[in-house]
Amino acid sequence: MNKVEIIASVADELYASEQALDAAIAHATTLVQSMISSRAALNISACAGADAQTKALEAIASLGVARQAMVACHEHLAKDHRRLGFGAFAGPFQDKYPEKTTGEHRLRAV
């Protein structure tokens, strides 16, 4: 493999990982919505399934933390990519993320 192929391979894995986390967050939020609507449709007390719903929400929060870590990984790879002089191969890496983040992260397709 040449440099371009190696860099593209890492980029493909990075994007796939980001998309997998986004998909997991979307599926988990759909689960919570389904739990709520099913409870309402069955006319069951809010107490029923509350612990399970809490655990699902904790999982969503953990997925959010994992996504932030993956975005930070992406930012570090982009910095290393530029620092090592692979800018000519950068394509999607160039200036995808600003050097300084405001701490505000928005869910978006990557």
PDB file of N, CA and C in Angstrom:
ATOM      1  N   MET A   1       0.844  -1.195   0.000  1.00  0.00           N
ATOM      2  CA  MET A   1       0.000   0.000   0.000  1.00  0.00           C
ATOM      3  C   MET A   1       0.878   1.243   0.000  1.00  0.00           C
ATOM      4  N   ASN A   2       0.466   2.223  -0.771  1.00  0.00           N
ATOM      5  CA  ASN A   2       1.193   3.486  -0.753  1.00  0.00           C
ATOM      6  C   ASN A   2       0.591   4.410   0.304  1.00  0.00           C
ATOM      7  N   LYS A   3       1.196   5.572   0.486  1.00  0.00           N
ATOM      8  CA  LYS A   3       0.752   6.502   1.534  1.00  0.00           C
ATOM      9  C   LYS A   3      -0.716   6.901   1.383  1.00  0.00           C
ATOM     10  N   VAL A   4      -1.124   7.188   0.179  1.00  0.00           N
ATOM     11  CA  VAL A   4      -2.506   7.617  -0.063  1.00  0.00           C
ATOM     12  C   VAL A   4      -3.478   6.518   0.348  1.00  0.00           C
ATOM     13  N   GLU A   5      -3.183   5.292  -0.003  1.00  0.00           N
ATOM     14  CA  GLU A   5      -4.058   4.173   0.343  1.00  0.00           C
ATOM     15  C   GLU A   5      -4.107   3.936   1.851  1.00  0.00           C
ATOM     16  N   ILE A   6      -2.966   4.069   2.504  1.00  0.00           N
ATOM     17  CA  ILE A   6      -2.916   3.880   3.957  1.00  0.00           C
ATOM     18  C   ILE A   6      -3.720   4.957   4.662  1.00  0.00           C
ATOM     19  N   ILE A   7      -3.518   6.205   4.258  1.00  0.00           N
ATOM     20  CA  ILE A   7      -4.249   7.323   4.865  1.00  0.00           C
ATOM     21  C   ILE A   7      -5.742   7.182   4.601  1.00  0.00           C
ATOM     22  N   ALA A   8      -6.101   6.816   3.385  1.00  0.00           N
ATOM     23  CA  ALA A   8      -7.516   6.634   3.044  1.00  0.00           C
ATOM     24  C   ALA A   8      -8.130   5.501   3.862  1.00  0.00           C
ATOM     25  N   SER A   9      -7.375   4.450   4.117  1.00  0.00           N
ATOM     26  CA  SER A   9      -7.861   3.330   4.912  1.00  0.00           C
ATOM     27  C   SER A   9      -8.177   3.770   6.342  1.00  0.00           C
ATOM     28  N   VAL A  10      -7.282   4.535   6.942  1.00  0.00           N
ATOM     29  CA  VAL A  10      -7.525   5.046   8.295  1.00  0.00           C
ATOM     30  C   VAL A  10      -8.735   5.982   8.291  1.00  0.00           C
ATOM     31  N   ALA A  11      -8.818   6.852   7.293  1.00  0.00           N
ATOM     32  CA  ALA A  11      -9.947   7.778   7.201  1.00  0.00           C
ATOM     33  C   ALA A  11     -11.266   7.024   7.058  1.00  0.00           C
ATOM     34  N   ASP A  12     -11.271   5.979   6.234  1.00  0.00           N
ATOM     35  CA  ASP A  12     -12.488   5.176   6.057  1.00  0.00           C
ATOM     36  C   ASP A  12     -12.925   4.539   7.368  1.00  0.00           C
ATOM     37  N   GLU A  13     -11.967   4.002   8.134  1.00  0.00           N
ATOM     38  CA  GLU A  13     -12.287   3.386   9.422  1.00  0.00           C
ATOM     39  C   GLU A  13     -12.786   4.420  10.424  1.00  0.00           C
ATOM     40  N   LEU A  14     -12.182   5.601  10.398  1.00  0.00           N
ATOM     41  CA  LEU A  14     -12.613   6.683  11.282  1.00  0.00           C
ATOM     42  C   LEU A  14     -14.048   7.084  10.979  1.00  0.00           C
ATOM     43  N   TYR A  15     -14.358   7.308   9.710  1.00  0.00           N
ATOM     44  CA  TYR A  15     -15.710   7.699   9.332  1.00  0.00           C
ATOM     45  C   TYR A  15     -16.715   6.585   9.656  1.00  0.00           C
ATOM     46  N   ALA A  16     -16.330   5.344   9.432  1.00  0.00           N
ATOM     47  CA  ALA A  16     -17.218   4.217   9.744  1.00  0.00           C
ATOM     48  C   ALA A  16     -17.491   4.157  11.243  1.00  0.00           C
ATOM     49  N   SER A  17     -16.470   4.408  12.047  1.00  0.00           N
ATOM     50  CA  SER A  17     -16.645   4.407  13.502  1.00  0.00           C
ATOM     51  C   SER A  17     -17.569   5.532  13.943  1.00  0.00           C
ATOM     52  N   GLU A  18     -17.398   6.702  13.350  1.00  0.00           N
ATOM     53  CA  GLU A  18     -18.270   7.839  13.690  1.00  0.00           C
ATOM     54  C   GLU A  18     -19.712   7.533  13.297  1.00  0.00           C
ATOM     55  N   GLN A  19     -19.895   6.953  12.123  1.00  0.00           N
ATOM     56  CA  GLN A  19     -21.251   6.615  11.667  1.00  0.00           C
ATOM     57  C   GLN A  19     -21.876   5.536  12.539  1.00  0.00           C
ATOM     58  N   ALA A  20     -21.077   4.580  12.989  1.00  0.00           N
ATOM     59  CA  ALA A  20     -21.596   3.516  13.857  1.00  0.00           C
ATOM     60  C   ALA A  20     -22.079   4.097  15.187  1.00  0.00           C
ATOM     61  N   LEU A  21     -21.331   5.041  15.733  1.00  0.00           N
ATOM     62  CA  LEU A  21     -21.767   5.677  16.974  1.00  0.00           C
ATOM     63  C   LEU A  21     -23.045   6.476  16.757  1.00  0.00           C
ATOM     64  N   ASP A  22     -23.118   7.212  15.660  1.00  0.00           N
ATOM     65  CA  ASP A  22     -24.340   7.962  15.354  1.00  0.00           C
ATOM     66  C   ASP A  22     -25.531   7.017  15.214  1.00  0.00           C
ATOM     67  N   ALA A  23     -25.329   5.893  14.540  1.00  0.00           N
ATOM     68  CA  ALA A  23     -26.408   4.919  14.358  1.00  0.00           C
ATOM     69  C   ALA A  23     -26.828   4.317  15.699  1.00  0.00           C
ATOM     70  N   ALA A  24     -25.856   4.031  16.557  1.00  0.00           N
ATOM     71  CA  ALA A  24     -26.172   3.471  17.873  1.00  0.00           C
ATOM     72  C   ALA A  24     -26.976   4.462  18.705  1.00  0.00           C
ATOM     73  N   ILE A  25     -26.611   5.732  18.639  1.00  0.00           N
ATOM     74  CA  ILE A  25     -27.362   6.766  19.368  1.00  0.00           C
ATOM     75  C   ILE A  25     -28.788   6.844  18.826  1.00  0.00           C
ATOM     76  N   ALA A  26     -28.925   6.836  17.511  1.00  0.00           N
ATOM     77  CA  ALA A  26     -30.252   6.910  16.900  1.00  0.00           C
ATOM     78  C   ALA A  26     -31.114   5.706  17.279  1.00  0.00           C
ATOM     79  N   HIS A  27     -30.528   4.520  17.247  1.00  0.00           N
ATOM     80  CA  HIS A  27     -31.286   3.317  17.610  1.00  0.00           C
ATOM     81  C   HIS A  27     -31.685   3.344  19.084  1.00  0.00           C
ATOM     82  N   ALA A  28     -30.773   3.762  19.942  1.00  0.00           N
ATOM     83  CA  ALA A  28     -31.070   3.791  21.378  1.00  0.00           C
ATOM     84  C   ALA A  28     -32.163   4.817  21.694  1.00  0.00           C
ATOM     85  N   THR A  29     -32.151   5.949  21.015  1.00  0.00           N
ATOM     86  CA  THR A  29     -33.206   6.933  21.256  1.00  0.00           C
ATOM     87  C   THR A  29     -34.552   6.423  20.728  1.00  0.00           C
ATOM     88  N   THR A  30     -34.518   5.666  19.648  1.00  0.00           N
ATOM     89  CA  THR A  30     -35.739   5.055  19.137  1.00  0.00           C
ATOM     90  C   THR A  30     -36.283   4.038  20.139  1.00  0.00           C
ATOM     91  N   LEU A  31     -35.387   3.307  20.788  1.00  0.00           N
ATOM     92  CA  LEU A  31     -35.807   2.364  21.819  1.00  0.00           C
ATOM     93  C   LEU A  31     -36.541   3.081  22.952  1.00  0.00           C
ATOM     94  N   VAL A  32     -35.979   4.182  23.430  1.00  0.00           N
ATOM     95  CA  VAL A  32     -36.623   4.926  24.517  1.00  0.00           C
ATOM     96  C   VAL A  32     -37.983   5.440  24.070  1.00  0.00           C
ATOM     97  N   GLN A  33     -38.058   5.972  22.868  1.00  0.00           N
ATOM     98  CA  GLN A  33     -39.337   6.459  22.346  1.00  0.00           C
ATOM     99  C   GLN A  33     -40.348   5.331  22.271  1.00  0.00           C
ATOM    100  N   SER A  34     -39.895   4.160  21.846  1.00  0.00           N
ATOM    101  CA  SER A  34     -40.776   2.998  21.751  1.00  0.00           C
ATOM    102  C   SER A  34     -41.256   2.562  23.131  1.00  0.00           C
ATOM    103  N   MET A  35     -40.363   2.601  24.095  1.00  0.00           N
ATOM    104  CA  MET A  35     -40.744   2.233  25.466  1.00  0.00           C
ATOM    105  C   MET A  35     -41.831   3.169  25.998  1.00  0.00           C
ATOM    106  N   ILE A  36     -41.668   4.453  25.755  1.00  0.00           N
ATOM    107  CA  ILE A  36     -42.628   5.448  26.242  1.00  0.00           C
ATOM    108  C   ILE A  36     -43.971   5.294  25.532  1.00  0.00           C
ATOM    109  N   SER A  37     -43.939   5.218  24.217  1.00  0.00           N
ATOM    110  CA  SER A  37     -45.201   5.117  23.477  1.00  0.00           C
ATOM    111  C   SER A  37     -45.908   3.786  23.746  1.00  0.00           C
ATOM    112  N   SER A  38     -45.153   2.713  23.921  1.00  0.00           N
ATOM    113  CA  SER A  38     -45.762   1.423  24.222  1.00  0.00           C
ATOM    114  C   SER A  38     -46.433   1.434  25.592  1.00  0.00           C
ATOM    115  N   ARG A  39     -45.773   2.046  26.563  1.00  0.00           N
ATOM    116  CA  ARG A  39     -46.364   2.146  27.897  1.00  0.00           C
ATOM    117  C   ARG A  39     -47.661   2.931  27.843  1.00  0.00           C
ATOM    118  N   ALA A  40     -47.658   4.014  27.085  1.00  0.00           N
ATOM    119  CA  ALA A  40     -48.863   4.835  26.957  1.00  0.00           C
ATOM    120  C   ALA A  40     -49.966   4.068  26.221  1.00  0.00           C
ATOM    121  N   ALA A  41     -49.599   3.360  25.172  1.00  0.00           N
ATOM    122  CA  ALA A  41     -50.591   2.608  24.395  1.00  0.00           C
ATOM    123  C   ALA A  41     -51.217   1.487  25.222  1.00  0.00           C
ATOM    124  N   LEU A  42     -50.433   0.917  26.126  1.00  0.00           N
ATOM    125  CA  LEU A  42     -50.943  -0.155  26.984  1.00  0.00           C
ATOM    126  C   LEU A  42     -51.594   0.373  28.257  1.00  0.00           C
ATOM    127  N   ASN A  43     -51.579   1.701  28.401  1.00  0.00           N
ATOM    128  CA  ASN A  43     -52.163   2.358  29.570  1.00  0.00           C
ATOM    129  C   ASN A  43     -51.570   1.815  30.873  1.00  0.00           C
ATOM    130  N   ILE A  44     -50.230   1.741  30.881  1.00  0.00           N
ATOM    131  CA  ILE A  44     -49.493   1.238  32.033  1.00  0.00           C
ATOM    132  C   ILE A  44     -48.890   2.426  32.782  1.00  0.00           C
ATOM    133  N   SER A  45     -48.794   2.297  34.081  1.00  0.00           N
ATOM    134  CA  SER A  45     -48.228   3.336  34.928  1.00  0.00           C
ATOM    135  C   SER A  45     -46.816   3.712  34.496  1.00  0.00           C
ATOM    136  N   ALA A  46     -46.463   4.957  34.739  1.00  0.00           N
ATOM    137  CA  ALA A  46     -45.113   5.440  34.427  1.00  0.00           C
ATOM    138  C   ALA A  46     -44.056   4.729  35.263  1.00  0.00           C
ATOM    139  N   CYS A  47     -44.467   4.159  36.380  1.00  0.00           N
ATOM    140  CA  CYS A  47     -43.533   3.420  37.232  1.00  0.00           C
ATOM    141  C   CYS A  47     -43.057   2.133  36.568  1.00  0.00           C
ATOM    142  N   ALA A  48     -43.912   1.561  35.744  1.00  0.00           N
ATOM    143  CA  ALA A  48     -43.561   0.313  35.057  1.00  0.00           C
ATOM    144  C   ALA A  48     -42.477   0.600  34.017  1.00  0.00           C
ATOM    145  N   GLY A  49     -41.411  -0.120  34.101  1.00  0.00           N
ATOM    146  CA  GLY A  49     -40.325   0.041  33.131  1.00  0.00           C
ATOM    147  C   GLY A  49     -39.448   1.250  33.371  1.00  0.00           C
ATOM    148  N   ALA A  50     -39.657   1.948  34.482  1.00  0.00           N
ATOM    149  CA  ALA A  50     -38.878   3.163  34.741  1.00  0.00           C
ATOM    150  C   ALA A  50     -37.389   2.854  34.881  1.00  0.00           C
ATOM    151  N   ASP A  51     -37.068   1.759  35.569  1.00  0.00           N
ATOM    152  CA  ASP A  51     -35.653   1.398  35.741  1.00  0.00           C
ATOM    153  C   ASP A  51     -35.009   1.055  34.399  1.00  0.00           C
ATOM    154  N   ALA A  52     -35.727   0.327  33.571  1.00  0.00           N
ATOM    155  CA  ALA A  52     -35.200  -0.029  32.250  1.00  0.00           C
ATOM    156  C   ALA A  52     -34.999   1.223  31.396  1.00  0.00           C
ATOM    157  N   GLN A  53     -35.948   2.138  31.467  1.00  0.00           N
ATOM    158  CA  GLN A  53     -35.833   3.375  30.694  1.00  0.00           C
ATOM    159  C   GLN A  53     -34.645   4.198  31.183  1.00  0.00           C
ATOM    160  N   THR A  54     -34.446   4.230  32.492  1.00  0.00           N
ATOM    161  CA  THR A  54     -33.302   4.954  33.054  1.00  0.00           C
ATOM    162  C   THR A  54     -31.992   4.358  32.540  1.00  0.00           C
ATOM    163  N   LYS A  55     -31.913   3.045  32.500  1.00  0.00           N
ATOM    164  CA  LYS A  55     -30.701   2.384  31.998  1.00  0.00           C
ATOM    165  C   LYS A  55     -30.478   2.687  30.520  1.00  0.00           C
ATOM    166  N   ALA A  56     -31.547   2.716  29.749  1.00  0.00           N
ATOM    167  CA  ALA A  56     -31.423   3.046  28.322  1.00  0.00           C
ATOM    168  C   ALA A  56     -30.922   4.481  28.154  1.00  0.00           C
ATOM    169  N   LEU A  57     -31.419   5.392  28.983  1.00  0.00           N
ATOM    170  CA  LEU A  57     -30.967   6.781  28.919  1.00  0.00           C
ATOM    171  C   LEU A  57     -29.509   6.906  29.348  1.00  0.00           C
ATOM    172  N   GLU A  58     -29.091   6.110  30.329  1.00  0.00           N
ATOM    173  CA  GLU A  58     -27.679   6.091  30.723  1.00  0.00           C
ATOM    174  C   GLU A  58     -26.807   5.600  29.573  1.00  0.00           C
ATOM    175  N   ALA A  59     -27.299   4.606  28.858  1.00  0.00           N
ATOM    176  CA  ALA A  59     -26.555   4.094  27.702  1.00  0.00           C
ATOM    177  C   ALA A  59     -26.419   5.168  26.625  1.00  0.00           C
ATOM    178  N   ILE A  60     -27.485   5.932  26.410  1.00  0.00           N
ATOM    179  CA  ILE A  60     -27.430   7.018  25.424  1.00  0.00           C
ATOM    180  C   ILE A  60     -26.399   8.061  25.839  1.00  0.00           C
ATOM    181  N   ALA A  61     -26.387   8.395  27.134  1.00  0.00           N
ATOM    182  CA  ALA A  61     -25.398   9.355  27.626  1.00  0.00           C
ATOM    183  C   ALA A  61     -23.978   8.825  27.418  1.00  0.00           C
ATOM    184  N   SER A  62     -23.780   7.546  27.667  1.00  0.00           N
ATOM    185  CA  SER A  62     -22.460   6.938  27.455  1.00  0.00           C
ATOM    186  C   SER A  62     -22.073   6.950  25.974  1.00  0.00           C
ATOM    187  N   LEU A  63     -23.039   6.705  25.115  1.00  0.00           N
ATOM    188  CA  LEU A  63     -22.766   6.775  23.673  1.00  0.00           C
ATOM    189  C   LEU A  63     -22.385   8.192  23.261  1.00  0.00           C
ATOM    190  N   GLY A  64     -23.018   9.188  23.895  1.00  0.00           N
ATOM    191  CA  GLY A  64     -22.652  10.581  23.619  1.00  0.00           C
ATOM    192  C   GLY A  64     -21.217  10.871  24.011  1.00  0.00           C
ATOM    193  N   VAL A  65     -20.796  10.341  25.156  1.00  0.00           N
ATOM    194  CA  VAL A  65     -19.404  10.502  25.598  1.00  0.00           C
ATOM    195  C   VAL A  65     -18.466   9.801  24.618  1.00  0.00           C
ATOM    196  N   ALA A  66     -18.846   8.608  24.177  1.00  0.00           N
ATOM    197  CA  ALA A  66     -18.026   7.881  23.208  1.00  0.00           C
ATOM    198  C   ALA A  66     -17.919   8.647  21.897  1.00  0.00           C
ATOM    199  N   ARG A  67     -19.003   9.260  21.484  1.00  0.00           N
ATOM    200  CA  ARG A  67     -18.981  10.042  20.246  1.00  0.00           C
ATOM    201  C   ARG A  67     -18.063  11.248  20.376  1.00  0.00           C
ATOM    202  N   GLN A  68     -18.125  11.916  21.526  1.00  0.00           N
ATOM    203  CA  GLN A  68     -17.218  13.051  21.753  1.00  0.00           C
ATOM    204  C   GLN A  68     -15.764  12.596  21.699  1.00  0.00           C
ATOM    205  N   ALA A  69     -15.471  11.434  22.259  1.00  0.00           N
ATOM    206  CA  ALA A  69     -14.108  10.901  22.221  1.00  0.00           C
ATOM    207  C   ALA A  69     -13.686  10.595  20.787  1.00  0.00           C
ATOM    208  N   MET A  70     -14.605  10.076  19.986  1.00  0.00           N
ATOM    209  CA  MET A  70     -14.283   9.774  18.592  1.00  0.00           C
ATOM    210  C   MET A  70     -14.036  11.059  17.804  1.00  0.00           C
ATOM    211  N   VAL A  71     -14.814  12.092  18.082  1.00  0.00           N
ATOM    212  CA  VAL A  71     -14.599  13.382  17.428  1.00  0.00           C
ATOM    213  C   VAL A  71     -13.235  13.949  17.836  1.00  0.00           C
ATOM    214  N   ALA A  72     -12.879  13.803  19.107  1.00  0.00           N
ATOM    215  CA  ALA A  72     -11.561  14.261  19.566  1.00  0.00           C
ATOM    216  C   ALA A  72     -10.454  13.467  18.875  1.00  0.00           C
ATOM    217  N   CYS A  73     -10.677  12.161  18.713  1.00  0.00           N
ATOM    218  CA  CYS A  73      -9.719  11.338  17.969  1.00  0.00           C
ATOM    219  C   CYS A  73      -9.556  11.874  16.554  1.00  0.00           C
ATOM    220  N   HIS A  74     -10.666  12.205  15.914  1.00  0.00           N
ATOM    221  CA  HIS A  74     -10.651  12.755  14.558  1.00  0.00           C
ATOM    222  C   HIS A  74      -9.834  14.051  14.519  1.00  0.00           C
ATOM    223  N   GLU A  75     -10.067  14.916  15.511  1.00  0.00           N
ATOM    224  CA  GLU A  75      -9.339  16.184  15.574  1.00  0.00           C
ATOM    225  C   GLU A  75      -7.836  15.948  15.716  1.00  0.00           C
ATOM    226  N   HIS A  76      -7.457  15.001  16.577  1.00  0.00           N
ATOM    227  CA  HIS A  76      -6.033  14.705  16.777  1.00  0.00           C
ATOM    228  C   HIS A  76      -5.412  14.102  15.525  1.00  0.00           C
ATOM    229  N   LEU A  77      -6.132  13.215  14.872  1.00  0.00           N
ATOM    230  CA  LEU A  77      -5.619  12.649  13.623  1.00  0.00           C
ATOM    231  C   LEU A  77      -5.427  13.736  12.566  1.00  0.00           C
ATOM    232  N   ALA A  78      -6.369  14.672  12.509  1.00  0.00           N
ATOM    233  CA  ALA A  78      -6.256  15.761  11.533  1.00  0.00           C
ATOM    234  C   ALA A  78      -5.030  16.617  11.822  1.00  0.00           C
ATOM    235  N   LYS A  79      -4.790  16.906  13.098  1.00  0.00           N
ATOM    236  CA  LYS A  79      -3.598  17.695  13.473  1.00  0.00           C
ATOM    237  C   LYS A  79      -2.325  16.939  13.107  1.00  0.00           C
ATOM    238  N   ASP A  80      -2.276  15.648  13.457  1.00  0.00           N
ATOM    239  CA  ASP A  80      -1.096  14.840  13.121  1.00  0.00           C
ATOM    240  C   ASP A  80      -0.901  14.754  11.622  1.00  0.00           C
ATOM    241  N   HIS A  81      -1.991  14.637  10.910  1.00  0.00           N
ATOM    242  CA  HIS A  81      -1.955  14.551   9.452  1.00  0.00           C
ATOM    243  C   HIS A  81      -1.282  15.787   8.864  1.00  0.00           C
ATOM    244  N   ARG A  82      -1.694  16.953   9.354  1.00  0.00           N
ATOM    245  CA  ARG A  82      -1.094  18.207   8.873  1.00  0.00           C
ATOM    246  C   ARG A  82       0.341  18.342   9.350  1.00  0.00           C
ATOM    247  N   ARG A  83       0.587  17.996  10.624  1.00  0.00           N
ATOM    248  CA  ARG A  83       1.922  18.134  11.202  1.00  0.00           C
ATOM    249  C   ARG A  83       2.929  17.255  10.468  1.00  0.00           C
ATOM    250  N   LEU A  84       2.514  16.083  10.036  1.00  0.00           N
ATOM    251  CA  LEU A  84       3.410  15.167   9.337  1.00  0.00           C
ATOM    252  C   LEU A  84       3.563  15.502   7.854  1.00  0.00           C
ATOM    253  N   GLY A  85       2.847  16.519   7.407  1.00  0.00           N
ATOM    254  CA  GLY A  85       3.003  16.975   6.029  1.00  0.00           C
ATOM    255  C   GLY A  85       2.221  16.190   5.002  1.00  0.00           C
ATOM    256  N   PHE A  86       1.160  15.511   5.432  1.00  0.00           N
ATOM    257  CA  PHE A  86       0.345  14.758   4.486  1.00  0.00           C
ATOM    258  C   PHE A  86      -0.816  15.591   3.968  1.00  0.00           C
ATOM    259  N   GLY A  87      -0.717  16.904   4.035  1.00  0.00           N
ATOM    260  CA  GLY A  87      -1.793  17.787   3.606  1.00  0.00           C
ATOM    261  C   GLY A  87      -2.249  17.542   2.177  1.00  0.00           C
ATOM    262  N   ALA A  88      -1.336  17.137   1.305  1.00  0.00           N
ATOM    263  CA  ALA A  88      -1.688  16.894  -0.097  1.00  0.00           C
ATOM    264  C   ALA A  88      -2.675  15.737  -0.228  1.00  0.00           C
ATOM    265  N   PHE A  89      -2.670  14.825   0.748  1.00  0.00           N
ATOM    266  CA  PHE A  89      -3.568  13.678   0.720  1.00  0.00           C
ATOM    267  C   PHE A  89      -4.808  13.908   1.562  1.00  0.00           C
ATOM    268  N   ALA A  90      -4.896  15.068   2.181  1.00  0.00           N
ATOM    269  CA  ALA A  90      -5.876  15.290   3.241  1.00  0.00           C
ATOM    270  C   ALA A  90      -7.316  15.165   2.798  1.00  0.00           C
ATOM    271  N   GLY A  91      -7.685  15.766   1.701  1.00  0.00           N
ATOM    272  CA  GLY A  91      -9.072  15.705   1.260  1.00  0.00           C
ATOM    273  C   GLY A  91     -10.034  16.075   2.377  1.00  0.00           C
ATOM    274  N   PRO A  92     -10.766  15.110   2.907  1.00  0.00           N
ATOM    275  CA  PRO A  92     -11.775  15.414   3.919  1.00  0.00           C
ATOM    276  C   PRO A  92     -11.202  15.843   5.264  1.00  0.00           C
ATOM    277  N   PHE A  93      -9.919  15.630   5.508  1.00  0.00           N
ATOM    278  CA  PHE A  93      -9.347  16.008   6.796  1.00  0.00           C
ATOM    279  C   PHE A  93      -9.135  17.507   6.934  1.00  0.00           C
ATOM    280  N   GLN A  94      -8.840  18.190   5.859  1.00  0.00           N
ATOM    281  CA  GLN A  94      -8.446  19.585   5.951  1.00  0.00           C
ATOM    282  C   GLN A  94      -9.546  20.448   6.537  1.00  0.00           C
ATOM    283  N   ASP A  95      -9.221  21.108   7.628  1.00  0.00           N
ATOM    284  CA  ASP A  95     -10.096  22.084   8.270  1.00  0.00           C
ATOM    285  C   ASP A  95     -11.513  21.568   8.507  1.00  0.00           C
ATOM    286  N   LYS A  96     -11.650  20.264   8.697  1.00  0.00           N
ATOM    287  CA  LYS A  96     -12.975  19.724   8.991  1.00  0.00           C
ATOM    288  C   LYS A  96     -13.415  20.166  10.381  1.00  0.00           C
ATOM    289  N   TYR A  97     -12.460  20.218  11.300  1.00  0.00           N
ATOM    290  CA  TYR A  97     -12.744  20.669  12.656  1.00  0.00           C
ATOM    291  C   TYR A  97     -11.812  21.838  12.980  1.00  0.00           C
ATOM    292  N   PRO A  98     -12.316  22.865  13.631  1.00  0.00           N
ATOM    293  CA  PRO A  98     -11.447  23.973  14.002  1.00  0.00           C
ATOM    294  C   PRO A  98     -10.448  23.542  15.067  1.00  0.00           C
ATOM    295  N   GLU A  99      -9.328  24.251  15.143  1.00  0.00           N
ATOM    296  CA  GLU A  99      -8.303  23.927  16.127  1.00  0.00           C
ATOM    297  C   GLU A  99      -8.835  24.072  17.546  1.00  0.00           C
ATOM    298  N   LYS A 100      -9.655  25.067  17.783  1.00  0.00           N
ATOM    299  CA  LYS A 100     -10.237  25.279  19.103  1.00  0.00           C
ATOM    300  C   LYS A 100     -11.734  25.042  19.009  1.00  0.00           C
ATOM    301  N   THR A 101     -12.238  24.252  19.933  1.00  0.00           N
ATOM    302  CA  THR A 101     -13.677  24.015  19.943  1.00  0.00           C
ATOM    303  C   THR A 101     -14.294  24.860  21.045  1.00  0.00           C
ATOM    304  N   THR A 102     -15.538  25.208  20.882  1.00  0.00           N
ATOM    305  CA  THR A 102     -16.242  26.040  21.855  1.00  0.00           C
ATOM    306  C   THR A 102     -16.854  25.206  22.957  1.00  0.00           C
ATOM    307  N   GLY A 103     -16.728  23.889  22.863  1.00  0.00           N
ATOM    308  CA  GLY A 103     -17.357  23.012  23.845  1.00  0.00           C
ATOM    309  C   GLY A 103     -18.770  22.626  23.438  1.00  0.00           C
ATOM    310  N   GLU A 104     -19.274  23.257  22.397  1.00  0.00           N
ATOM    311  CA  GLU A 104     -20.618  22.938  21.920  1.00  0.00           C
ATOM    312  C   GLU A 104     -20.489  21.897  20.816  1.00  0.00           C
ATOM    313  N   HIS A 105     -21.144  20.775  21.023  1.00  0.00           N
ATOM    314  CA  HIS A 105     -21.096  19.704  20.036  1.00  0.00           C
ATOM    315  C   HIS A 105     -22.520  19.441  19.557  1.00  0.00           C
ATOM    316  N   ARG A 106     -22.673  19.359  18.280  1.00  0.00           N
ATOM    317  CA  ARG A 106     -23.980  19.088  17.709  1.00  0.00           C
ATOM    318  C   ARG A 106     -23.931  17.756  17.000  1.00  0.00           C
ATOM    319  N   LEU A 107     -24.982  16.989  17.162  1.00  0.00           N
ATOM    320  CA  LEU A 107     -25.080  15.713  16.473  1.00  0.00           C
ATOM    321  C   LEU A 107     -25.279  15.986  15.001  1.00  0.00           C
ATOM    322  N   ARG A 108     -24.455  15.357  14.174  1.00  0.00           N
ATOM    323  CA  ARG A 108     -24.565  15.545  12.743  1.00  0.00           C
ATOM    324  C   ARG A 108     -24.068  14.297  12.041  1.00  0.00           C
ATOM    325  N   ALA A 109     -24.499  14.133  10.839  1.00  0.00           N
ATOM    326  CA  ALA A 109     -24.021  13.006  10.039  1.00  0.00           C
ATOM    327  C   ALA A 109     -22.592  13.281   9.626  1.00  0.00           C
ATOM    328  N   VAL A 110     -21.773  12.265   9.701  1.00  0.00           N
ATOM    329  CA  VAL A 110     -20.373  12.434   9.317  1.00  0.00           C
ATOM    330  C   VAL A 110     -20.012  11.509   8.190  1.00  0.00           C
TER     331      VAL A 110
END
